[in-house]
Each structure stands twice: as structure tokens, then as C-alpha cells.
Protein backbone atom coordinates (compact mmCIF):
# COMPACT_ATOMS: atom_id res chain seq x y z
CA MET A 1 38.70 15.83 -56.79
CA GLU A 2 37.24 11.78 -56.10
CA GLU A 3 41.17 11.47 -56.29
CA ALA A 4 41.91 13.07 -54.43
CA ARG A 5 40.11 12.36 -50.80
CA LYS A 6 41.25 8.59 -52.66
CA ALA A 7 44.58 10.03 -52.16
CA MET A 8 43.58 11.36 -48.68
CA ILE A 9 42.37 8.52 -46.98
CA ALA A 10 45.48 6.41 -48.16
CA LYS A 11 47.81 9.08 -46.40
CA ARG A 12 46.08 9.67 -43.56
CA PHE A 13 45.93 6.11 -42.41
CA ALA A 14 48.58 4.12 -44.95
CA GLY A 15 51.44 5.50 -43.01
CA ASN A 16 49.91 5.38 -39.43
CA ALA A 17 49.50 1.69 -38.54
CA ALA A 18 48.47 2.88 -34.99
CA GLY A 19 45.32 5.52 -36.80
CA ALA A 20 43.65 2.27 -38.67
CA ARG A 21 43.61 -0.26 -35.86
CA THR A 22 40.82 -0.58 -33.67
CA GLY A 23 41.65 -2.48 -30.54
CA GLY A 24 45.47 -3.93 -29.18
CA ALA A 25 48.12 -3.15 -26.86
CA GLY A 26 48.07 1.11 -26.49
CA SER A 27 44.45 1.80 -28.07
CA GLN A 28 41.39 3.23 -25.36
CA ARG A 29 40.44 0.69 -22.48
CA ASN A 30 36.75 0.05 -22.45
CA LYS A 31 34.88 0.18 -19.50
CA SER A 32 32.03 -2.69 -19.11
CA LYS A 33 28.80 -1.27 -17.19
CA GLY A 34 27.31 -2.76 -15.32
CA GLY A 35 23.84 -4.76 -15.11
CA LEU A 36 20.79 -3.17 -14.48
CA LYS A 37 19.73 -2.32 -11.17
CA GLY A 38 16.82 -4.12 -10.32
CA ALA A 39 14.17 -3.73 -7.88
CA GLY A 40 16.67 -4.92 -5.41
CA GLY A 41 18.49 -2.09 -5.12
CA ASP A 42 15.98 0.24 -3.76
CA ASP A 43 14.84 -2.35 -1.14
CA LYS A 44 18.27 -2.06 0.24
CA LYS A 45 18.07 1.98 0.20
CA LEU A 46 15.16 1.62 1.89
CA SER A 47 15.44 -0.53 4.74
CA GLY A 48 18.92 1.60 5.13
CA VAL A 49 16.77 4.43 5.35
CA LEU A 50 14.32 2.35 8.27
CA LYS A 51 18.06 1.60 9.93
CA LYS A 52 18.40 4.79 10.32
CA MET A 53 15.09 5.93 11.21
CA GLN A 54 15.63 2.69 14.53
CA MET A 55 11.95 1.46 13.67
CA GLN A 56 10.97 -1.04 15.61
CA PRO A 57 8.78 -4.13 15.17
CA LEU A 58 5.25 -4.12 16.50
CA LYS A 59 4.22 -7.64 18.13
CA GLY A 60 0.25 -8.92 17.72
CA VAL A 61 -0.96 -7.61 14.85
CA GLU A 62 -3.60 -9.61 13.58
CA GLU A 63 -5.05 -7.83 10.77
CA VAL A 64 -4.33 -4.20 9.06
CA ASN A 65 -7.85 -2.10 7.90
CA ILE A 66 -6.93 1.23 5.99
CA PHE A 67 -9.72 2.56 4.25
CA LYS A 68 -10.16 4.17 0.73
CA ALA A 69 -12.43 7.40 -0.03
CA ASP A 70 -14.09 5.34 -3.00
CA GLY A 71 -15.79 3.41 0.10
CA SER A 72 -13.02 -0.23 -0.92
CA VAL A 73 -10.65 -0.76 2.47
CA ILE A 74 -6.81 -2.68 2.21
CA HIS A 75 -7.24 -5.48 4.05
CA ILE A 76 -3.60 -6.98 5.17
CA THR A 77 -3.49 -10.52 7.50
CA GLN A 78 -0.66 -11.09 9.51
CA PRO A 79 0.92 -7.85 8.50
CA LYS A 80 4.62 -7.42 9.55
CA ILE A 81 4.65 -3.72 11.33
CA GLU A 82 7.67 -1.84 11.85
CA ALA A 83 7.24 1.45 13.66
CA SER A 84 9.49 4.29 14.19
CA ILE A 85 7.62 6.98 17.14
CA PRO A 86 9.39 9.92 17.50
CA CYS A 87 9.49 10.01 13.41
CA ASN A 88 5.99 9.66 13.36
CA THR A 89 6.37 6.77 10.78
CA TYR A 90 4.75 3.26 10.89
CA VAL A 91 5.76 0.10 8.25
CA VAL A 92 3.00 -1.74 6.75
CA SER A 93 3.48 -4.77 5.14
CA GLY A 94 2.22 -8.53 3.55
CA ASN A 95 -0.09 -9.77 1.74
CA ALA A 96 -2.52 -7.00 0.32
CA GLU A 97 -6.28 -7.37 -0.54
CA THR A 98 -8.25 -4.46 -1.74
CA LYS A 99 -11.95 -5.76 -0.74
CA GLN A 100 -15.23 -4.09 -0.43
CA LEU A 101 -16.72 -2.07 2.77
CA THR A 102 -19.39 -4.63 2.98
CA ASP A 103 -17.42 -8.02 2.29
CA LEU A 104 -15.91 -7.65 5.97
CA LEU A 105 -19.01 -6.52 8.21
CA PRO A 106 -19.92 -7.14 10.81
CA GLY A 107 -16.05 -8.20 12.35
CA ILE A 108 -15.25 -4.68 11.40
CA MET A 109 -17.07 -2.33 12.49
CA THR A 110 -15.33 -1.20 16.14
CA GLN A 111 -12.74 0.22 13.15
CA LEU A 112 -15.34 2.46 11.01
CA GLY A 113 -14.75 6.10 11.44
CA PRO A 114 -17.81 8.34 10.93
CA GLU A 115 -17.05 9.18 7.06
CA SER A 116 -17.42 5.48 6.97
CA ILE A 117 -20.17 5.25 8.59
CA ASP A 118 -22.69 7.79 6.51
CA ARG A 119 -21.66 5.32 3.87
CA LEU A 120 -22.52 2.44 5.64
CA ARG A 121 -25.61 4.13 5.66
CA GLN A 122 -25.87 5.25 2.64
CA TYR A 123 -25.31 1.94 1.28
CA ALA A 124 -28.50 0.52 3.61
CA ALA A 125 -30.49 3.24 2.72
CA ALA A 126 -29.79 2.23 -1.06
CA MET A 127 -30.30 -1.53 0.18
CA GLY A 128 -34.16 -0.57 1.48
CA ALA A 129 -35.06 1.34 -1.44
CA ALA A 130 -34.01 -1.70 -3.32
CA ASN A 131 -36.32 -4.14 -0.69
CA GLY A 132 -38.99 -1.73 -1.09
CA GLY A 133 -38.46 -0.11 1.63
CA ALA A 134 -39.60 -3.05 3.41
CA ILE A 135 -37.54 -4.70 6.36
CA PRO A 136 -36.73 -7.72 5.54
CA GLU A 137 -38.34 -10.66 7.12
CA GLY A 138 -35.99 -11.71 10.67
CA ALA A 139 -34.56 -8.16 10.89
CA GLU A 140 -35.99 -6.06 13.47
CA ASP A 141 -36.78 -2.21 13.12
CA ASP A 142 -33.33 -1.05 15.10
CA ASP A 143 -34.47 2.01 17.07
CA ASP A 144 -31.60 3.49 18.72
CA ASP A 145 -34.64 4.69 21.12
CA VAL A 146 -33.97 3.74 25.24
CA PRO A 147 -36.43 1.56 26.11
CA GLU A 148 -38.90 2.19 29.28
CA LEU A 149 -38.25 0.95 33.52
CA VAL A 150 -40.66 -1.28 33.40
CA GLU A 151 -39.21 -2.32 37.15
CA ASN A 152 -39.28 -0.22 40.00
CA PHE A 153 -35.24 -1.34 40.88
CA GLU A 154 -35.14 0.74 44.02
CA GLU A 155 -37.61 -1.13 45.58
CA ALA A 156 -36.63 -4.15 44.99
CA ALA A 157 -33.19 -3.88 46.33
CA ALA A 158 -34.84 -2.75 49.83
CA THR A 159 -36.25 -5.13 49.85
CA ASP A 160 -33.49 -8.36 50.06
């Protein structure tokens, strides 16, 4: 059986020189595969899509704050912003840092929404409980009441 196998192999490859060779004239050419595509290919695709959407740069924005559900804030200083108003699409890019809401106070107060205000009140209540409920020295009890009118301004306007 062993001899029959050797005879068959010899018959198959000895008589046909092209069957035993690898490479050379007449053999199939191997195509080289391209290198790995990195993130640069994705950036080119993204920029192509953004060009089709006719994105326009927005100037004069100094910072962007994105409020997350867990109370942290993605803070981007000197962002590059592009917008397509008809497509309702905005692209914000720049150096981003994740910070806590309390780290950005008081400059961020005008940007807070109702959820963030509630979270800030809860934080203030927790800090008040940690201090024993006392108001710290130097801080005033800031009630949202309207102060009482001390003078009669109509009389003062009539005398002038």
C-alpha cells in the first residue's frame, strides 16, 4: 500500500514539472493586500458626509458644557463648532474634560436647566446636613422673598 502511494505521487509530480513548482512563469500571481486602514479612513468618511450636509462654522463660542445624567459635565474650552440648521446637526470638537457640576460653579449657573438645579439643591442640602444644618459663617440666609417697601416712591417723585 505504501509503495502504491509513492508510485502515484511520483507519477503525478514527476511527469508534470509545472505541477510541482511554486511560482515562476505561468503560475497564479498573488495580489498583495493593502495595509490596515486606521482611524484616518473614518475621519475622511465623516468629513465627506459633513461636506454633503453643508456644515457651516459657528464663531465666537468660548466654551461648551454638556450636562450628563449622572451630574457630571463634559467641559470643552475653545471648541470648534460646525452646524447645519436644516439638518438639525451640530458638530462640536475640541479638548474635552469631564468635571463635576460643583467644580464649575458659579460661572455655570446661567446654563443650568431644571434637572441640574434640582441636583444642585440636593447637593446643597447634603452639605447643609453635613454641617449640622447650620448656615456657614459669612453666608446669608438667602430667601427668595420680596423685601418690604420702606419708602413711598410716589410722594418722593411728586416732590421733585
